Protein backbone atom coordinates (compact mmCIF):
# COMPACT_ATOMS: atom_id res chain seq x y z
CA UNK A 1 -61.05 138.35 -114.21
CA UNK A 2 -63.27 140.27 -111.75
CA UNK A 3 -61.40 143.47 -112.67
CA UNK A 4 -62.25 142.95 -116.34
CA UNK A 5 -65.94 142.39 -115.57
CA UNK A 6 -66.13 145.52 -113.38
CA UNK A 7 -64.24 147.56 -115.98
CA UNK A 8 -66.56 146.26 -118.72
CA UNK A 9 -69.62 147.23 -116.67
CA UNK A 10 -68.29 150.70 -115.91
CA UNK A 11 -67.55 151.29 -119.58
CA UNK A 12 -71.01 150.01 -120.58
CA UNK A 13 -73.02 151.90 -117.92
CA UNK A 14 -73.43 155.11 -119.98
CA UNK A 15 -74.59 153.01 -122.93
CA UNK A 16 -77.10 151.17 -120.77
CA UNK A 17 -78.52 154.45 -119.53
CA UNK A 18 -79.13 155.41 -123.15
CA UNK A 19 -80.91 152.13 -123.93
CA UNK A 20 -78.07 150.27 -125.70
CA UNK A 21 -78.31 146.47 -125.77
CA UNK A 22 -75.51 144.12 -124.73
CA UNK A 23 -74.76 140.65 -126.12
CA UNK A 24 -77.39 137.94 -125.47
CA UNK A 25 -75.22 136.02 -123.00
CA UNK A 26 -74.55 139.07 -120.79
CA UNK A 27 -76.40 139.35 -117.46
CA UNK A 28 -79.27 141.82 -117.45
CA UNK A 29 -78.22 145.22 -116.16
CA UNK A 30 -80.80 147.87 -115.48
CA UNK A 31 -80.45 151.58 -114.94
CA UNK A 32 -83.06 153.84 -113.35
CA UNK A 33 -82.82 157.63 -113.07
CA UNK A 34 -83.59 158.47 -109.45
CA UNK A 35 -83.25 162.23 -109.83
CA UNK A 36 -82.51 164.71 -112.57
CA UNK A 37 -83.15 168.28 -111.46
CA UNK A 38 -82.07 171.85 -112.11
CA UNK A 39 -83.62 173.08 -108.86
CA UNK A 40 -83.89 172.21 -105.18
CA UNK A 41 -87.01 170.63 -103.68
CA UNK A 42 -88.66 174.03 -103.13
CA UNK A 43 -88.22 175.00 -106.80
CA UNK A 44 -85.21 177.33 -106.36
CA UNK A 45 -83.01 177.01 -109.46
CA UNK A 46 -79.41 175.87 -109.13
CA UNK A 47 -77.30 178.66 -110.61
CA UNK A 48 -73.77 177.25 -110.75
CA UNK A 49 -71.33 174.87 -109.17
CA UNK A 50 -68.75 176.33 -106.80
CA UNK A 51 -65.53 177.58 -108.41
CA UNK A 52 -62.39 175.64 -107.51
CA UNK A 53 -60.96 172.14 -107.57
CA UNK A 54 -63.95 169.77 -107.47
CA UNK A 55 -64.33 167.56 -104.42
CA UNK A 56 -67.15 165.05 -104.21
CA UNK A 57 -68.23 163.85 -100.76
CA UNK A 58 -70.69 161.09 -99.90
CA UNK A 59 -71.99 160.68 -96.34
CA UNK A 60 -74.18 158.10 -94.68
CA UNK A 61 -76.11 160.08 -92.07
CA UNK A 62 -78.22 158.51 -89.31
CA UNK A 63 -80.61 160.84 -87.49
CA UNK A 64 -82.20 159.57 -84.26
CA UNK A 65 -85.99 159.50 -83.73
CA UNK A 66 -87.72 162.74 -82.65
CA UNK A 67 -84.74 164.88 -83.65
CA UNK A 68 -84.91 168.43 -84.96
CA UNK A 69 -81.71 169.39 -86.77
CA UNK A 70 -80.42 172.95 -86.38
CA UNK A 71 -81.11 175.48 -89.12
CA UNK A 72 -78.28 175.37 -91.66
CA UNK A 73 -77.32 176.06 -95.27
CA UNK A 74 -75.25 174.23 -97.89
CA UNK A 75 -72.84 176.21 -100.08
CA UNK A 76 -73.01 173.63 -102.91
CA UNK A 77 -75.54 171.45 -104.71
CA UNK A 78 -76.19 168.13 -102.98
CA UNK A 79 -78.74 165.36 -103.05
CA UNK A 80 -80.03 163.04 -100.32
CA UNK A 81 -81.29 159.48 -100.84
CA UNK A 82 -83.45 158.15 -98.00
CA UNK A 83 -82.48 154.59 -97.09
CA UNK A 84 -84.95 154.30 -94.20
CA UNK A 85 -87.32 156.34 -92.09
CA UNK A 86 -89.23 159.52 -92.78
CA UNK A 87 -87.84 163.06 -92.71
CA UNK A 88 -89.65 166.38 -92.94
CA UNK A 89 -87.52 169.17 -94.40
CA UNK A 90 -88.46 172.80 -93.78
CA UNK A 91 -87.45 176.09 -95.34
CA UNK A 92 -86.92 178.71 -92.63
CA UNK A 93 -87.97 181.93 -94.36
CA UNK A 94 -90.92 180.72 -96.43
CA UNK A 95 -92.09 177.98 -94.11
CA UNK A 96 -92.43 175.54 -97.01
CA UNK A 97 -91.97 171.88 -96.03
CA UNK A 98 -91.80 168.46 -97.63
CA UNK A 99 -91.84 164.96 -96.13
CA UNK A 100 -89.65 162.29 -97.70
CA UNK A 101 -89.39 158.60 -96.90
CA UNK A 102 -87.41 155.47 -97.78
CA UNK A 103 -86.64 155.36 -101.50
CA UNK A 104 -87.14 159.11 -102.05
CA UNK A 105 -84.45 161.40 -103.44
CA UNK A 106 -84.25 165.04 -102.36
CA UNK A 107 -82.37 167.79 -104.23
CA UNK A 108 -81.16 169.96 -101.34
CA UNK A 109 -81.28 173.74 -101.07
CA UNK A 110 -78.18 175.87 -101.69
CA UNK A 111 -77.59 178.94 -99.49
CA UNK A 112 -81.14 178.77 -98.08
CA UNK A 113 -81.80 178.21 -94.37
CA UNK A 114 -83.48 174.87 -93.77
CA UNK A 115 -83.60 171.93 -91.37
CA UNK A 116 -84.92 168.40 -91.05
CA UNK A 117 -87.13 166.73 -88.43
CA UNK A 118 -87.60 163.04 -87.80
CA UNK A 119 -90.66 161.30 -86.40
CA UNK A 120 -90.83 158.21 -84.22
CA UNK A 121 -88.17 156.31 -86.20
CA UNK A 122 -84.55 157.01 -87.06
CA UNK A 123 -83.71 158.20 -90.58
CA UNK A 124 -80.76 156.96 -92.61
CA UNK A 125 -79.65 159.08 -95.57
CA UNK A 126 -76.95 158.83 -98.19
CA UNK A 127 -76.01 162.39 -99.16
CA UNK A 128 -73.87 163.29 -102.19
CA UNK A 129 -72.19 166.74 -102.14
CA UNK A 130 -70.65 168.43 -105.22
CA UNK A 131 -68.32 170.98 -103.63
CA UNK A 132 -64.74 172.13 -103.88
CA UNK A 133 -61.65 171.16 -101.93
CA UNK A 134 -61.86 172.54 -98.38
CA UNK A 135 -65.45 173.79 -98.69
CA UNK A 136 -67.65 173.03 -95.65
CA UNK A 137 -70.60 170.71 -96.37
CA UNK A 138 -72.97 172.81 -94.26
CA UNK A 139 -72.86 176.09 -92.36
CA UNK A 140 -74.81 177.79 -89.59
CA UNK A 141 -77.19 180.47 -90.89
CA UNK A 142 -75.73 183.92 -91.35
CA UNK A 143 -77.27 186.42 -88.94
């Protein structure tokens, strides 16, 4: 029975996102767009997805307080959802930065050197990567 309810919800989810109405006796389901973007947080447009067999990866990342992550890049589009804490992300070349906190969603940069810094509290992120099979999620900057 639980399987049927989950399957019914999964089939109805796209309809709910479009504003469709379910039967009166159905529990209320809501859908909220957290992010819809064609560019990273600094305004750089996403050009294309990587070529190859798609591989989606989702990580829960916990960053300790007063931590400065190393400069790095991502070879694929990805998005971070902040569960808790506050994180400042910085672009290496342009020096642009943005601070995000619990409940915020960040479209990450692709092939641009950047890093994150935490303040006095740890940060917990859920990060969704849209890569290809065998592709690294992040890389050290190219010299």
